[in-house]
Amino acid sequence: MSIILAILIASIYIFLQQPTFGKAPSGERLERMKKSPNYKNGGFNNLSFTPQFAEDVSVPKVMFNFFFGKKLNLKPSKAFNFSKTDLKNLNPAENVYVWMGHSSYFLQIDSKKILVDPVFSGNASPVSFTTKAFAGSDLYAAEDIPELDYLIITHDHWDHLDYKTVTKLRPKVKQIITGLGTGEHLEYWKYDLKIIMELDWGENFDLGNGFKVYCETARHFSGRTLKRNQAIWASFVFETPNQKIYIGGDSGFDTHFEKIGEKYGGFDLAILENGQYNEAWKYIHLLPNEFFLAAKNLKAKRTIAVHNSKFALSVHTWKEPLEQITQFNEIEKLRLIIPKIGEKVNWEDDEKVYEKWWEDYE
């Protein structure tokens, strides 16, 4: 038995040495992290007490239901049939949003080209045969992406930071914006340290010519290996001479949305997660009704929902997140933008009606 256990431990150790897992912070980066007011007891911490599971939840039961429970319609019954926008030939004068499924999206704002949390490898896990992208959802590849002014990585989870994708994108990226600690992965993956901008909550950087980025809090966690919270999870405010965009990343509901809304006086556009939620882990992901609370607290003129329609990371049906927020919005009546994957969106066109495309799929 001891020999089998030793072999198992050795196998896990060897498996975790693959480049895709990244690297734990060290040296000057780790020393900077230790000086952060958000870093305590060997890791980053949320501002509010944030258990992984709700207090009234049995963790073994949650795990059993997730892995072995009855699962209906977690994925579409047929492949999506979408058309992709040619990102390399956009009019540079256009403000454009293109969703790539889940939390991956492209923004062109005041001629700047930005890519957020790209995952184009076909799955969102350490092994290729699990957490596969829905058929037809993986429209884009690194080859489709133009030269980028900014690559923004909100945190280092597998469904937001993909090794294969970011390494293929490396020649196209002028600058990376991410949370403190995540740069260790990127530097390990041969990104030039000079183009990696790591920010802690409350820090900002003047990008020049009227462009500025602010790192703000989120209520979540991080980690690609067995040790969590070695890099900070963040939301970002991207300010241009004419726009203020809120890039939400992953976050459970908390008072930070209202504080950020007050701090910046509202946003032209807020991009918020809606999907892969569960009452059992309600503190680390927004529930559909909380999506609207967050949008209103941020004082967002327009809101786009992401974190859905590409990977099954919870036990709700694949299209429940979209059904839920459209139903809620019949009461809330916010400017809610829910495009198809690959569709070119002018978010300033407040007259455009977005069809309920998910109704064409079961």
Protein backbone atom coordinates (compact mmCIF):
# COMPACT_ATOMS: atom_id res chain seq x y z
CA MET A 1 0.00 0.00 0.00
CA SER A 2 2.84 2.41 0.87
CA ILE A 3 4.42 1.80 -2.56
CA ILE A 4 1.11 2.57 -4.32
CA LEU A 5 0.68 5.74 -2.26
CA ALA A 6 4.23 6.85 -3.07
CA ILE A 7 3.64 6.26 -6.78
CA LEU A 8 0.38 8.24 -6.60
CA ILE A 9 2.05 11.18 -4.84
CA ALA A 10 4.94 11.13 -7.32
CA SER A 11 2.51 11.01 -10.25
CA ILE A 12 0.56 14.02 -8.93
CA TYR A 13 3.81 15.94 -8.38
CA ILE A 14 5.01 15.22 -11.92
CA PHE A 15 1.60 16.15 -13.35
CA LEU A 16 1.67 19.51 -11.55
CA GLN A 17 5.05 20.36 -13.09
CA GLN A 18 3.51 20.91 -16.53
CA PRO A 19 3.93 24.49 -17.81
CA THR A 20 0.16 24.93 -18.09
CA PHE A 21 -0.10 25.12 -14.28
CA GLY A 22 2.06 28.23 -14.25
CA LYS A 23 4.34 29.11 -11.39
CA ALA A 24 3.99 30.32 -7.81
CA PRO A 25 5.18 33.91 -7.19
CA SER A 26 8.71 34.33 -5.88
CA GLY A 27 11.45 36.91 -5.46
CA GLU A 28 10.59 40.60 -5.81
CA ARG A 29 7.03 39.83 -6.89
CA LEU A 30 6.37 37.81 -3.74
CA GLU A 31 7.90 40.53 -1.57
CA ARG A 32 5.60 43.09 -3.18
CA MET A 33 2.62 40.80 -2.55
CA LYS A 34 3.51 40.45 1.12
CA LYS A 35 3.37 44.24 1.48
CA SER A 36 -0.17 44.35 0.12
CA PRO A 37 -2.91 45.10 2.70
CA ASN A 38 -4.92 42.38 0.97
CA TYR A 39 -2.30 39.65 1.57
CA LYS A 40 -2.46 37.85 4.92
CA ASN A 41 -1.56 34.41 6.21
CA GLY A 42 0.16 33.36 3.01
CA GLY A 43 -2.45 34.46 0.50
CA PHE A 44 -4.81 37.16 -0.72
CA ASN A 45 -8.12 37.65 1.06
CA ASN A 46 -11.52 39.08 0.19
CA LEU A 47 -12.58 42.25 1.96
CA SER A 48 -15.63 40.45 3.38
CA PHE A 49 -15.69 37.00 4.93
CA THR A 50 -16.22 34.72 1.93
CA PRO A 51 -16.63 30.98 2.50
CA GLN A 52 -16.41 28.77 -0.57
CA PHE A 53 -19.82 27.30 0.25
CA ALA A 54 -22.93 28.75 1.88
CA GLU A 55 -23.33 28.13 5.61
CA ASP A 56 -26.37 25.85 5.28
CA VAL A 57 -24.71 23.63 2.68
CA SER A 58 -23.25 20.19 3.19
CA VAL A 59 -19.98 20.19 1.28
CA PRO A 60 -20.00 16.40 0.59
CA LYS A 61 -23.57 16.69 -0.76
CA VAL A 62 -22.62 19.61 -3.01
CA MET A 63 -19.65 17.73 -4.42
CA PHE A 64 -21.72 14.57 -4.92
CA ASN A 65 -24.46 16.47 -6.76
CA PHE A 66 -21.92 18.29 -8.92
CA PHE A 67 -20.11 15.16 -10.06
CA PHE A 68 -22.81 12.46 -9.86
CA GLY A 69 -26.18 14.19 -9.62
CA LYS A 70 -28.84 14.16 -12.32
CA LYS A 71 -27.79 16.56 -15.05
CA LEU A 72 -30.23 17.75 -17.70
CA ASN A 73 -29.37 20.04 -20.59
CA LEU A 74 -26.04 21.20 -19.24
CA LYS A 75 -25.01 21.54 -22.88
CA PRO A 76 -26.96 22.47 -26.02
CA SER A 77 -28.37 19.45 -27.85
CA LYS A 78 -26.95 20.68 -31.15
CA ALA A 79 -23.95 22.74 -32.22
CA PHE A 80 -24.23 26.52 -32.26
CA ASN A 81 -24.31 28.10 -35.69
CA PHE A 82 -22.79 31.55 -35.35
CA SER A 83 -20.80 33.84 -37.64
CA LYS A 84 -17.65 35.52 -36.45
CA THR A 85 -16.69 39.14 -36.93
CA ASP A 86 -13.47 39.83 -38.82
CA LEU A 87 -11.50 41.54 -36.05
CA LYS A 88 -8.52 42.36 -38.24
CA ASN A 89 -10.48 44.59 -40.59
CA LEU A 90 -12.60 46.68 -38.24
CA ASN A 91 -13.04 50.37 -38.81
CA PRO A 92 -10.70 51.85 -36.18
CA ALA A 93 -13.21 54.65 -35.55
CA GLU A 94 -15.85 52.18 -34.35
CA ASN A 95 -16.42 51.26 -30.72
CA VAL A 96 -16.94 47.51 -30.87
CA TYR A 97 -17.65 44.62 -28.51
CA VAL A 98 -17.40 41.00 -29.68
CA TRP A 99 -18.21 38.16 -27.31
CA MET A 100 -16.32 34.89 -27.69
CA GLY A 101 -18.33 32.83 -25.22
CA HIS A 102 -17.99 32.55 -21.44
CA SER A 103 -15.82 35.46 -20.21
CA SER A 104 -13.69 35.95 -23.33
CA TYR A 105 -14.36 39.11 -25.32
CA PHE A 106 -12.77 41.68 -27.60
CA LEU A 107 -13.20 45.43 -27.21
CA GLN A 108 -12.24 48.24 -29.54
CA ILE A 109 -12.58 51.54 -27.69
CA ASP A 110 -11.37 54.87 -29.05
CA SER A 111 -9.15 52.90 -31.48
CA LYS A 112 -7.55 50.77 -28.73
CA LYS A 113 -7.81 47.01 -29.17
CA ILE A 114 -8.37 45.01 -25.98
CA LEU A 115 -8.82 41.30 -25.37
CA VAL A 116 -10.16 40.03 -22.02
CA ASP A 117 -9.65 36.54 -20.54
CA PRO A 118 -9.27 34.64 -23.84
CA VAL A 119 -9.80 30.87 -23.75
CA PHE A 120 -9.62 29.42 -27.27
CA SER A 121 -8.16 25.96 -26.61
CA GLY A 122 -11.48 24.10 -26.51
CA ASN A 123 -11.55 23.35 -22.81
CA ALA A 124 -11.16 25.03 -19.43
CA SER A 125 -9.27 22.58 -17.25
CA PRO A 126 -5.79 21.05 -16.82
CA VAL A 127 -6.78 18.07 -19.00
CA SER A 128 -8.22 18.30 -22.50
CA PHE A 129 -10.98 15.72 -22.06
CA THR A 130 -12.85 17.65 -19.34
CA THR A 131 -14.77 20.95 -19.30
CA LYS A 132 -14.98 21.06 -23.06
CA ALA A 133 -16.37 24.06 -24.92
CA PHE A 134 -19.88 23.61 -26.32
CA ALA A 135 -19.91 22.60 -29.96
CA GLY A 136 -19.83 25.70 -32.15
CA SER A 137 -18.89 28.06 -29.30
CA ASP A 138 -15.16 28.11 -30.02
CA LEU A 139 -15.32 30.37 -33.06
CA TYR A 140 -12.08 32.22 -32.47
CA ALA A 141 -8.44 31.20 -32.44
CA ALA A 142 -5.29 33.18 -31.73
CA GLU A 143 -4.81 33.54 -35.49
CA ASP A 144 -8.03 35.60 -35.71
CA ILE A 145 -6.84 38.22 -33.23
CA PRO A 146 -5.24 41.47 -34.44
CA GLU A 147 -2.31 43.14 -32.74
CA LEU A 148 -3.51 44.03 -29.24
CA ASP A 149 -2.89 47.20 -27.32
CA TYR A 150 -3.93 45.46 -24.10
CA LEU A 151 -4.51 41.91 -22.96
CA ILE A 152 -6.48 41.94 -19.70
CA ILE A 153 -6.49 38.89 -17.41
CA THR A 154 -8.86 39.26 -14.44
CA HIS A 155 -7.59 36.20 -12.54
CA ASP A 156 -5.78 32.93 -13.06
CA HIS A 157 -8.59 30.35 -13.08
CA TRP A 158 -8.57 27.94 -16.01
CA ASP A 159 -11.70 29.42 -17.59
CA HIS A 160 -10.06 32.88 -17.65
CA LEU A 161 -6.36 32.24 -18.17
CA ASP A 162 -5.56 29.63 -20.80
CA TYR A 163 -1.95 28.60 -21.32
CA LYS A 164 -2.29 27.53 -24.95
CA THR A 165 -4.16 30.68 -25.92
CA VAL A 166 -1.96 33.27 -24.23
CA THR A 167 1.26 31.65 -25.43
CA LYS A 168 0.00 31.75 -29.03
CA LEU A 169 -1.04 35.38 -28.59
CA ARG A 170 2.33 36.46 -27.22
CA PRO A 171 3.71 38.03 -30.45
CA LYS A 172 0.57 40.18 -30.78
CA VAL A 173 0.41 41.65 -27.27
CA LYS A 174 1.83 45.11 -26.61
CA GLN A 175 0.91 45.19 -22.92
CA ILE A 176 -0.75 42.93 -20.34
CA ILE A 177 -2.90 44.26 -17.51
CA THR A 178 -3.58 41.84 -14.67
CA GLY A 179 -3.81 41.42 -10.92
CA LEU A 180 -0.82 41.22 -8.61
CA GLY A 181 0.76 37.77 -8.67
CA THR A 182 -0.62 36.56 -12.01
CA GLY A 183 2.42 37.98 -13.77
CA GLU A 184 4.46 35.06 -12.44
CA HIS A 185 2.56 32.68 -14.73
CA LEU A 186 2.97 34.99 -17.71
CA GLU A 187 6.66 35.59 -17.13
CA TYR A 188 7.16 31.83 -16.80
CA TRP A 189 5.38 31.48 -20.14
CA LYS A 190 8.03 33.77 -21.68
CA TYR A 191 6.18 37.08 -21.70
CA ASP A 192 8.58 40.00 -21.32
CA LEU A 193 8.38 41.37 -17.79
CA LYS A 194 8.51 44.90 -19.23
CA ILE A 195 5.03 44.56 -20.78
CA ILE A 196 3.36 42.97 -17.72
CA MET A 197 1.46 45.48 -15.60
CA GLU A 198 0.36 43.94 -12.28
CA LEU A 199 -1.97 45.94 -10.08
CA ASP A 200 -3.29 45.49 -6.57
CA TRP A 201 -6.79 46.60 -5.58
CA GLY A 202 -6.89 50.38 -5.46
CA GLU A 203 -3.89 50.87 -7.76
CA ASN A 204 -4.06 52.50 -11.17
CA PHE A 205 -1.83 53.28 -14.11
CA ASP A 206 -1.86 56.14 -16.57
CA LEU A 207 -1.59 54.61 -20.03
CA GLY A 208 -1.13 57.97 -21.71
CA ASN A 209 -3.19 60.10 -24.13
CA GLY A 210 -6.24 60.13 -21.89
CA PHE A 211 -6.30 56.35 -21.23
CA LYS A 212 -6.10 55.00 -17.70
CA VAL A 213 -6.71 51.65 -16.00
CA TYR A 214 -7.82 51.11 -12.40
CA CYS A 215 -7.71 47.83 -10.49
CA GLU A 216 -10.71 47.31 -8.22
CA THR A 217 -11.84 44.62 -5.84
CA ALA A 218 -13.92 41.55 -6.56
CA ARG A 219 -15.29 38.81 -4.30
CA HIS A 220 -13.86 35.56 -5.54
CA PHE A 221 -10.63 33.53 -5.25
CA SER A 222 -7.76 32.35 -7.44
CA GLY A 223 -5.54 29.36 -8.07
CA ARG A 224 -4.43 26.88 -10.73
CA THR A 225 -3.01 24.24 -8.36
CA LEU A 226 -3.84 22.88 -4.93
CA LYS A 227 -2.72 26.11 -3.26
CA ARG A 228 -5.20 28.95 -3.63
CA ASN A 229 -5.06 32.74 -3.57
CA GLN A 230 -1.45 33.22 -4.63
CA ALA A 231 -2.56 35.90 -7.10
CA ILE A 232 -5.25 38.50 -6.65
CA TRP A 233 -8.60 38.33 -8.46
CA ALA A 234 -9.75 41.70 -9.73
CA SER A 235 -12.17 43.85 -11.62
CA PHE A 236 -10.86 46.65 -13.83
CA VAL A 237 -12.04 50.08 -14.85
CA PHE A 238 -10.80 51.06 -18.30
CA GLU A 239 -11.07 54.80 -18.85
CA THR A 240 -10.64 56.44 -22.24
CA PRO A 241 -11.00 60.08 -23.28
CA ASN A 242 -14.69 59.36 -23.94
CA GLN A 243 -15.73 56.19 -22.12
CA LYS A 244 -15.65 54.42 -18.76
CA ILE A 245 -15.92 50.64 -19.00
CA TYR A 246 -16.27 48.27 -16.04
CA ILE A 247 -14.67 44.85 -16.61
CA GLY A 248 -16.10 42.74 -13.83
CA GLY A 249 -14.25 39.42 -13.97
CA ASP A 250 -15.74 36.92 -11.50
CA SER A 251 -17.31 38.16 -8.30
CA GLY A 252 -20.02 37.36 -5.81
CA PHE A 253 -22.30 40.18 -4.71
CA ASP A 254 -21.06 42.58 -2.02
CA THR A 255 -20.85 46.26 -1.14
CA HIS A 256 -17.91 46.85 -3.50
CA PHE A 257 -20.22 47.34 -6.50
CA GLU A 258 -21.90 50.33 -4.85
CA LYS A 259 -18.56 51.76 -3.70
CA ILE A 260 -17.10 51.46 -7.20
CA GLY A 261 -20.21 53.06 -8.72
CA GLU A 262 -19.91 55.99 -6.33
CA LYS A 263 -16.15 56.31 -6.86
CA TYR A 264 -16.39 56.58 -10.66
CA GLY A 265 -19.81 58.20 -10.96
CA GLY A 266 -21.20 55.40 -13.11
CA PHE A 267 -20.16 53.64 -16.31
CA ASP A 268 -20.99 53.78 -19.99
CA LEU A 269 -20.79 49.99 -20.02
CA ALA A 270 -20.49 47.28 -17.37
CA ILE A 271 -19.58 43.70 -18.27
CA LEU A 272 -20.73 41.35 -15.51
CA GLU A 273 -20.81 37.62 -14.97
CA ASN A 274 -24.07 35.69 -15.18
CA GLY A 275 -23.69 31.94 -15.26
CA GLN A 276 -22.07 28.96 -13.53
CA TYR A 277 -23.76 30.13 -10.34
CA ASN A 278 -25.31 28.07 -7.57
CA GLU A 279 -26.90 28.89 -4.22
CA ALA A 280 -24.28 26.60 -2.70
CA TRP A 281 -21.45 28.94 -3.82
CA LYS A 282 -23.41 32.19 -3.85
CA TYR A 283 -20.61 34.19 -2.23
CA ILE A 284 -18.20 33.84 -5.16
CA HIS A 285 -20.53 34.19 -8.19
CA LEU A 286 -23.47 36.49 -8.92
CA LEU A 287 -26.94 34.99 -8.93
CA PRO A 288 -29.22 36.34 -11.70
CA ASN A 289 -31.12 38.74 -9.42
CA GLU A 290 -27.81 39.98 -8.01
CA PHE A 291 -26.62 40.72 -11.55
CA PHE A 292 -29.17 43.53 -11.66
CA LEU A 293 -28.32 44.77 -8.18
CA ALA A 294 -24.67 44.99 -9.21
CA ALA A 295 -25.52 46.81 -12.47
CA LYS A 296 -27.65 49.37 -10.61
CA ASN A 297 -25.07 49.83 -7.86
CA LEU A 298 -22.42 50.47 -10.51
CA LYS A 299 -24.73 53.06 -12.13
CA ALA A 300 -24.17 51.40 -15.48
CA LYS A 301 -25.92 52.89 -18.51
CA ARG A 302 -25.61 49.54 -20.30
CA THR A 303 -24.77 46.03 -19.13
CA ILE A 304 -23.50 42.93 -20.92
CA ALA A 305 -23.76 39.45 -19.42
CA VAL A 306 -20.87 37.00 -19.76
CA HIS A 307 -19.65 33.79 -18.04
CA ASN A 308 -22.17 31.60 -19.84
CA SER A 309 -22.86 29.60 -23.03
CA LYS A 310 -19.48 27.93 -23.50
CA PHE A 311 -18.59 25.70 -20.53
CA ALA A 312 -20.70 23.71 -18.06
CA LEU A 313 -19.24 24.61 -14.68
CA SER A 314 -22.42 24.36 -12.61
CA VAL A 315 -25.56 22.21 -12.51
CA HIS A 316 -28.06 24.63 -14.05
CA THR A 317 -29.18 24.14 -17.65
CA TRP A 318 -26.90 25.83 -20.15
CA LYS A 319 -29.41 28.54 -21.09
CA GLU A 320 -30.91 29.20 -17.66
CA PRO A 321 -28.67 32.23 -17.01
CA LEU A 322 -29.93 33.94 -20.19
CA GLU A 323 -33.55 32.99 -19.53
CA GLN A 324 -33.34 34.24 -15.96
CA ILE A 325 -31.88 37.67 -16.64
CA THR A 326 -34.22 38.37 -19.56
CA GLN A 327 -37.18 37.52 -17.32
CA PHE A 328 -35.86 39.70 -14.52
CA ASN A 329 -35.25 42.51 -16.98
CA GLU A 330 -38.92 42.60 -17.92
CA ILE A 331 -39.29 44.21 -14.49
CA GLU A 332 -35.92 45.98 -14.16
CA LYS A 333 -35.92 47.40 -17.72
CA LEU A 334 -32.18 48.07 -17.81
CA ARG A 335 -30.31 48.42 -21.08
CA LEU A 336 -29.27 44.76 -21.26
CA ILE A 337 -27.13 43.56 -24.16
CA ILE A 338 -27.08 39.81 -24.87
CA PRO A 339 -25.46 39.23 -28.28
CA LYS A 340 -24.63 36.02 -30.05
CA ILE A 341 -21.09 34.71 -29.88
CA GLY A 342 -19.09 36.41 -32.63
CA GLU A 343 -21.62 39.21 -33.22
CA LYS A 344 -20.29 42.75 -33.65
CA VAL A 345 -21.94 45.00 -31.09
CA ASN A 346 -22.12 48.78 -31.01
CA TRP A 347 -23.04 49.14 -27.35
CA GLU A 348 -23.86 52.83 -27.80
CA ASP A 349 -26.77 51.95 -30.11
CA ASP A 350 -29.51 51.91 -27.50
CA GLU A 351 -32.24 51.29 -30.07
CA LYS A 352 -30.99 47.91 -31.23
CA VAL A 353 -33.10 44.93 -30.12
CA TYR A 354 -31.19 41.73 -29.37
CA GLU A 355 -33.00 38.52 -30.23
CA LYS A 356 -33.33 35.65 -27.78
CA TRP A 357 -30.97 33.50 -29.81
CA TRP A 358 -30.78 30.74 -27.19
CA GLU A 359 -34.42 29.84 -27.88
CA ASP A 360 -33.26 28.26 -31.15
CA TYR A 361 -31.31 25.67 -29.15
CA GLU A 362 -32.32 23.07 -26.58
